[in-house]
Amino acid sequence: MDNNIFNFIINSTAASSFNQQSCLYLDALVNWDNFEQAATALASQIDATITNKDVAADIHRWQLDFEGVRLYLIFEDTSDSLWLELESKEDQETLDFIATMIEKAND
């Protein structure tokens, strides 16, 4: 599988409008049908381990482990929204580091 078909970009507009820490909003060509492929590609890109996969009516919510920090990759179908969310706000520095990794991958 080619993990390079997805270009993940930090959505700073969404992050600012929601004014939320502990969340990293992403723009990518992700939809309900290709979420699994996109999520696997992102996990590989940031060297995270997928530890759990949950699916609800309109939400994919995958639990990831990044160097001992638990976070969630969430896709909401009704709004076509994709984001990473920390389980613990105390790990904000890790999420900032992940954002840097994603930005560097786009250079």
N, C-alpha and C. Protein backbone atom coordinates (compact mmCIF):
# COMPACT_ATOMS: atom_id res chain seq x y z
N MET A 1 0.84 -1.18 0.00
CA MET A 1 0.00 0.00 0.00
C MET A 1 0.89 1.24 0.00
N ASP A 2 0.52 2.21 -0.78
CA ASP A 2 1.29 3.46 -0.88
C ASP A 2 0.77 4.46 0.13
N ASN A 3 1.57 4.71 1.17
CA ASN A 3 1.15 5.66 2.21
C ASN A 3 1.30 7.10 1.78
N ASN A 4 1.86 7.35 0.62
CA ASN A 4 2.10 8.72 0.17
C ASN A 4 0.93 9.32 -0.59
N ILE A 5 -0.18 8.59 -0.73
CA ILE A 5 -1.30 9.14 -1.49
C ILE A 5 -2.10 10.16 -0.68
N PHE A 6 -1.86 10.22 0.62
CA PHE A 6 -2.55 11.19 1.46
C PHE A 6 -1.59 12.29 1.87
N ASN A 7 -2.02 13.51 1.68
CA ASN A 7 -1.23 14.67 2.07
C ASN A 7 -1.95 15.33 3.24
N PHE A 8 -1.43 15.11 4.44
CA PHE A 8 -2.06 15.66 5.64
C PHE A 8 -1.52 17.05 5.89
N ILE A 9 -2.42 18.01 6.05
CA ILE A 9 -2.06 19.41 6.26
C ILE A 9 -2.75 19.88 7.53
N ILE A 10 -2.01 20.61 8.35
CA ILE A 10 -2.58 21.16 9.57
C ILE A 10 -3.61 22.21 9.19
N ASN A 11 -4.80 22.11 9.73
CA ASN A 11 -5.86 23.07 9.46
C ASN A 11 -5.88 24.10 10.59
N SER A 12 -5.04 25.11 10.45
CA SER A 12 -4.92 26.12 11.52
C SER A 12 -6.18 26.97 11.64
N THR A 13 -6.94 27.11 10.57
CA THR A 13 -8.18 27.88 10.63
C THR A 13 -9.18 27.19 11.55
N ALA A 14 -9.33 25.90 11.40
CA ALA A 14 -10.26 25.15 12.26
C ALA A 14 -9.78 25.18 13.69
N ALA A 15 -8.50 25.01 13.89
CA ALA A 15 -7.96 25.02 15.26
C ALA A 15 -8.20 26.37 15.92
N SER A 16 -8.03 27.44 15.18
CA SER A 16 -8.24 28.78 15.73
C SER A 16 -9.71 29.03 16.02
N SER A 17 -10.56 28.63 15.10
CA SER A 17 -11.99 28.91 15.29
C SER A 17 -12.56 28.12 16.46
N PHE A 18 -12.07 26.91 16.67
CA PHE A 18 -12.54 26.12 17.80
C PHE A 18 -11.79 26.48 19.07
N ASN A 19 -10.63 27.11 18.90
CA ASN A 19 -9.80 27.54 20.03
C ASN A 19 -9.61 26.42 21.04
N GLN A 20 -9.23 25.24 20.51
CA GLN A 20 -9.08 24.09 21.37
C GLN A 20 -7.63 23.63 21.39
N GLN A 21 -7.12 23.47 22.58
CA GLN A 21 -5.86 22.77 22.70
C GLN A 21 -6.21 21.31 22.84
N SER A 22 -5.23 20.50 22.71
CA SER A 22 -5.33 19.04 22.78
C SER A 22 -5.97 18.45 21.53
N CYS A 23 -6.23 19.26 20.52
CA CYS A 23 -6.74 18.78 19.23
C CYS A 23 -5.90 19.37 18.11
N LEU A 24 -5.69 18.55 17.09
CA LEU A 24 -4.96 18.97 15.91
C LEU A 24 -5.83 18.64 14.70
N TYR A 25 -6.39 19.67 14.08
CA TYR A 25 -7.29 19.48 12.95
C TYR A 25 -6.48 19.35 11.67
N LEU A 26 -6.90 18.40 10.81
CA LEU A 26 -6.15 18.08 9.60
C LEU A 26 -7.04 18.22 8.37
N ASP A 27 -6.42 18.65 7.30
CA ASP A 27 -7.07 18.64 6.00
C ASP A 27 -6.44 17.52 5.19
N ALA A 28 -7.26 16.71 4.61
CA ALA A 28 -6.79 15.63 3.74
C ALA A 28 -7.99 15.15 2.93
N LEU A 29 -7.71 14.47 1.87
CA LEU A 29 -8.80 13.93 1.05
C LEU A 29 -9.27 12.61 1.66
N VAL A 30 -9.94 12.74 2.80
CA VAL A 30 -10.40 11.58 3.54
C VAL A 30 -11.92 11.57 3.54
N ASN A 31 -12.47 10.39 3.36
CA ASN A 31 -13.91 10.22 3.44
C ASN A 31 -14.20 8.92 4.19
N TRP A 32 -15.45 8.60 4.36
CA TRP A 32 -15.84 7.43 5.13
C TRP A 32 -15.22 6.16 4.56
N ASP A 33 -15.21 6.07 3.24
CA ASP A 33 -14.75 4.84 2.59
C ASP A 33 -13.24 4.65 2.62
N ASN A 34 -12.48 5.73 2.62
CA ASN A 34 -11.01 5.57 2.59
C ASN A 34 -10.35 5.89 3.93
N PHE A 35 -11.16 6.07 4.98
CA PHE A 35 -10.59 6.43 6.28
C PHE A 35 -9.56 5.41 6.75
N GLU A 36 -9.85 4.15 6.65
CA GLU A 36 -8.92 3.14 7.16
C GLU A 36 -7.56 3.26 6.48
N GLN A 37 -7.54 3.44 5.19
CA GLN A 37 -6.29 3.62 4.46
C GLN A 37 -5.58 4.91 4.89
N ALA A 38 -6.33 5.99 5.04
CA ALA A 38 -5.75 7.27 5.45
C ALA A 38 -5.22 7.19 6.88
N ALA A 39 -5.99 6.58 7.78
CA ALA A 39 -5.57 6.47 9.17
C ALA A 39 -4.29 5.64 9.30
N THR A 40 -4.22 4.57 8.55
CA THR A 40 -3.02 3.74 8.56
C THR A 40 -1.83 4.52 8.03
N ALA A 41 -2.05 5.30 6.99
CA ALA A 41 -0.97 6.12 6.42
C ALA A 41 -0.49 7.16 7.42
N LEU A 42 -1.41 7.83 8.10
CA LEU A 42 -1.02 8.85 9.08
C LEU A 42 -0.28 8.22 10.26
N ALA A 43 -0.79 7.11 10.75
CA ALA A 43 -0.12 6.43 11.87
C ALA A 43 1.30 6.05 11.47
N SER A 44 1.47 5.58 10.26
CA SER A 44 2.81 5.23 9.77
C SER A 44 3.69 6.48 9.65
N GLN A 45 3.11 7.55 9.14
CA GLN A 45 3.86 8.80 8.94
C GLN A 45 4.41 9.35 10.25
N ILE A 46 3.63 9.24 11.32
CA ILE A 46 4.09 9.79 12.60
C ILE A 46 4.67 8.69 13.51
N ASP A 47 4.78 7.49 12.99
CA ASP A 47 5.36 6.36 13.71
C ASP A 47 4.58 6.05 15.00
N ALA A 48 3.27 6.02 14.87
CA ALA A 48 2.39 5.68 15.99
C ALA A 48 1.85 4.27 15.79
N THR A 49 1.45 3.66 16.87
CA THR A 49 0.86 2.32 16.84
C THR A 49 -0.64 2.44 17.02
N ILE A 50 -1.39 1.75 16.18
CA ILE A 50 -2.85 1.70 16.30
C ILE A 50 -3.18 0.66 17.35
N THR A 51 -3.87 1.08 18.42
CA THR A 51 -4.16 0.15 19.51
C THR A 51 -5.63 -0.24 19.60
N ASN A 52 -6.51 0.52 18.97
CA ASN A 52 -7.93 0.20 19.02
C ASN A 52 -8.64 0.93 17.88
N LYS A 53 -9.69 0.31 17.35
CA LYS A 53 -10.48 0.92 16.28
C LYS A 53 -11.95 0.86 16.67
N ASP A 54 -12.58 2.03 16.74
CA ASP A 54 -14.01 2.11 17.03
C ASP A 54 -14.71 2.79 15.87
N VAL A 55 -15.89 2.27 15.56
CA VAL A 55 -16.73 2.87 14.52
C VAL A 55 -18.13 3.04 15.08
N ALA A 56 -18.68 4.23 14.89
CA ALA A 56 -20.06 4.50 15.30
C ALA A 56 -20.84 4.91 14.06
N ALA A 57 -22.02 5.44 14.25
CA ALA A 57 -22.90 5.76 13.13
C ALA A 57 -22.24 6.65 12.09
N ASP A 58 -21.56 7.71 12.53
CA ASP A 58 -20.92 8.61 11.57
C ASP A 58 -19.51 9.00 12.00
N ILE A 59 -18.91 8.20 12.89
CA ILE A 59 -17.58 8.54 13.40
C ILE A 59 -16.67 7.32 13.42
N HIS A 60 -15.47 7.53 12.90
CA HIS A 60 -14.37 6.59 13.11
C HIS A 60 -13.54 7.18 14.24
N ARG A 61 -13.16 6.38 15.22
CA ARG A 61 -12.32 6.85 16.33
C ARG A 61 -11.29 5.77 16.62
N TRP A 62 -10.06 6.05 16.20
CA TRP A 62 -8.98 5.09 16.40
C TRP A 62 -8.07 5.57 17.51
N GLN A 63 -7.74 4.68 18.40
CA GLN A 63 -6.80 5.00 19.47
C GLN A 63 -5.39 4.70 18.98
N LEU A 64 -4.50 5.67 19.19
CA LEU A 64 -3.11 5.52 18.79
C LEU A 64 -2.21 5.66 20.01
N ASP A 65 -1.04 5.04 19.92
CA ASP A 65 -0.02 5.23 20.92
C ASP A 65 1.19 5.84 20.22
N PHE A 66 1.62 6.99 20.70
CA PHE A 66 2.80 7.65 20.17
C PHE A 66 3.79 7.82 21.32
N GLU A 67 4.80 6.99 21.33
CA GLU A 67 5.85 7.06 22.36
C GLU A 67 5.27 7.10 23.77
N GLY A 68 4.26 6.26 24.01
CA GLY A 68 3.65 6.17 25.33
C GLY A 68 2.52 7.16 25.59
N VAL A 69 2.24 8.04 24.64
CA VAL A 69 1.15 9.01 24.78
C VAL A 69 -0.05 8.49 24.00
N ARG A 70 -1.19 8.44 24.67
CA ARG A 70 -2.42 7.96 24.03
C ARG A 70 -3.14 9.12 23.39
N LEU A 71 -3.51 8.94 22.12
CA LEU A 71 -4.30 9.94 21.42
C LEU A 71 -5.27 9.25 20.49
N TYR A 72 -6.18 10.01 19.95
CA TYR A 72 -7.23 9.46 19.08
C TYR A 72 -7.20 10.17 17.73
N LEU A 73 -7.36 9.38 16.69
CA LEU A 73 -7.56 9.91 15.35
C LEU A 73 -9.04 9.75 15.08
N ILE A 74 -9.69 10.88 14.83
CA ILE A 74 -11.15 10.88 14.71
C ILE A 74 -11.55 11.46 13.35
N PHE A 75 -12.48 10.77 12.70
CA PHE A 75 -13.07 11.28 11.47
C PHE A 75 -14.58 11.31 11.66
N GLU A 76 -15.17 12.48 11.44
CA GLU A 76 -16.61 12.64 11.53
C GLU A 76 -17.16 12.81 10.11
N ASP A 77 -17.99 11.87 9.71
CA ASP A 77 -18.49 11.83 8.35
C ASP A 77 -19.40 13.02 8.01
N THR A 78 -20.28 13.41 8.91
CA THR A 78 -21.26 14.45 8.59
C THR A 78 -20.61 15.80 8.32
N SER A 79 -19.45 16.06 8.93
CA SER A 79 -18.77 17.34 8.70
C SER A 79 -17.47 17.18 7.90
N ASP A 80 -17.17 15.95 7.50
CA ASP A 80 -15.90 15.66 6.81
C ASP A 80 -14.72 16.20 7.60
N SER A 81 -14.74 16.04 8.91
CA SER A 81 -13.68 16.56 9.78
C SER A 81 -12.75 15.43 10.22
N LEU A 82 -11.46 15.76 10.25
CA LEU A 82 -10.43 14.81 10.66
C LEU A 82 -9.54 15.51 11.68
N TRP A 83 -9.30 14.86 12.82
CA TRP A 83 -8.43 15.48 13.81
C TRP A 83 -7.78 14.43 14.70
N LEU A 84 -6.68 14.85 15.29
CA LEU A 84 -6.02 14.09 16.35
C LEU A 84 -6.39 14.75 17.66
N GLU A 85 -6.69 13.94 18.65
CA GLU A 85 -7.08 14.47 19.96
C GLU A 85 -6.34 13.73 21.06
N LEU A 86 -5.76 14.46 21.96
CA LEU A 86 -5.05 13.87 23.08
C LEU A 86 -6.03 13.31 24.10
N GLU A 87 -5.64 12.23 24.75
CA GLU A 87 -6.44 11.75 25.86
C GLU A 87 -6.22 12.63 27.09
N SER A 88 -4.99 13.12 27.24
CA SER A 88 -4.64 13.96 28.39
C SER A 88 -4.08 15.29 27.91
N LYS A 89 -4.66 16.38 28.35
CA LYS A 89 -4.20 17.71 27.94
C LYS A 89 -2.77 17.99 28.37
N GLU A 90 -2.29 17.26 29.36
CA GLU A 90 -0.92 17.44 29.82
C GLU A 90 0.11 17.04 28.76
N ASP A 91 -0.34 16.33 27.73
CA ASP A 91 0.57 15.87 26.67
C ASP A 91 0.58 16.81 25.46
N GLN A 92 0.18 18.06 25.64
CA GLN A 92 0.11 19.02 24.53
C GLN A 92 1.44 19.14 23.80
N GLU A 93 2.54 19.08 24.51
CA GLU A 93 3.86 19.19 23.89
C GLU A 93 4.08 18.08 22.86
N THR A 94 3.57 16.90 23.15
CA THR A 94 3.68 15.79 22.20
C THR A 94 2.87 16.06 20.95
N LEU A 95 1.67 16.60 21.12
CA LEU A 95 0.84 16.92 19.96
C LEU A 95 1.50 18.01 19.11
N ASP A 96 2.13 18.97 19.76
CA ASP A 96 2.86 20.01 19.03
C ASP A 96 4.00 19.39 18.22
N PHE A 97 4.67 18.40 18.78
CA PHE A 97 5.74 17.71 18.08
C PHE A 97 5.19 16.94 16.88
N ILE A 98 4.06 16.28 17.06
CA ILE A 98 3.42 15.57 15.94
C ILE A 98 3.05 16.55 14.83
N ALA A 99 2.55 17.73 15.19
CA ALA A 99 2.22 18.75 14.19
C ALA A 99 3.46 19.13 13.39
N THR A 100 4.58 19.26 14.07
CA THR A 100 5.84 19.57 13.39
C THR A 100 6.22 18.46 12.42
N MET A 101 6.04 17.22 12.85
CA MET A 101 6.34 16.07 11.97
C MET A 101 5.48 16.10 10.71
N ILE A 102 4.21 16.40 10.87
CA ILE A 102 3.29 16.43 9.72
C ILE A 102 3.67 17.56 8.79
N GLU A 103 3.98 18.73 9.34
CA GLU A 103 4.37 19.86 8.51
C GLU A 103 5.66 19.56 7.74
N LYS A 104 6.64 18.94 8.38
CA LYS A 104 7.89 18.61 7.71
C LYS A 104 7.69 17.61 6.59
N ALA A 105 6.73 16.71 6.74
CA ALA A 105 6.45 15.73 5.70
C ALA A 105 5.93 16.39 4.45
N ASN A 106 5.38 17.61 4.59
CA ASN A 106 4.83 18.33 3.43
C ASN A 106 5.84 19.25 2.77
N ASP A 107 7.02 19.39 3.35
CA ASP A 107 8.06 20.26 2.76
C ASP A 107 8.70 19.63 1.55
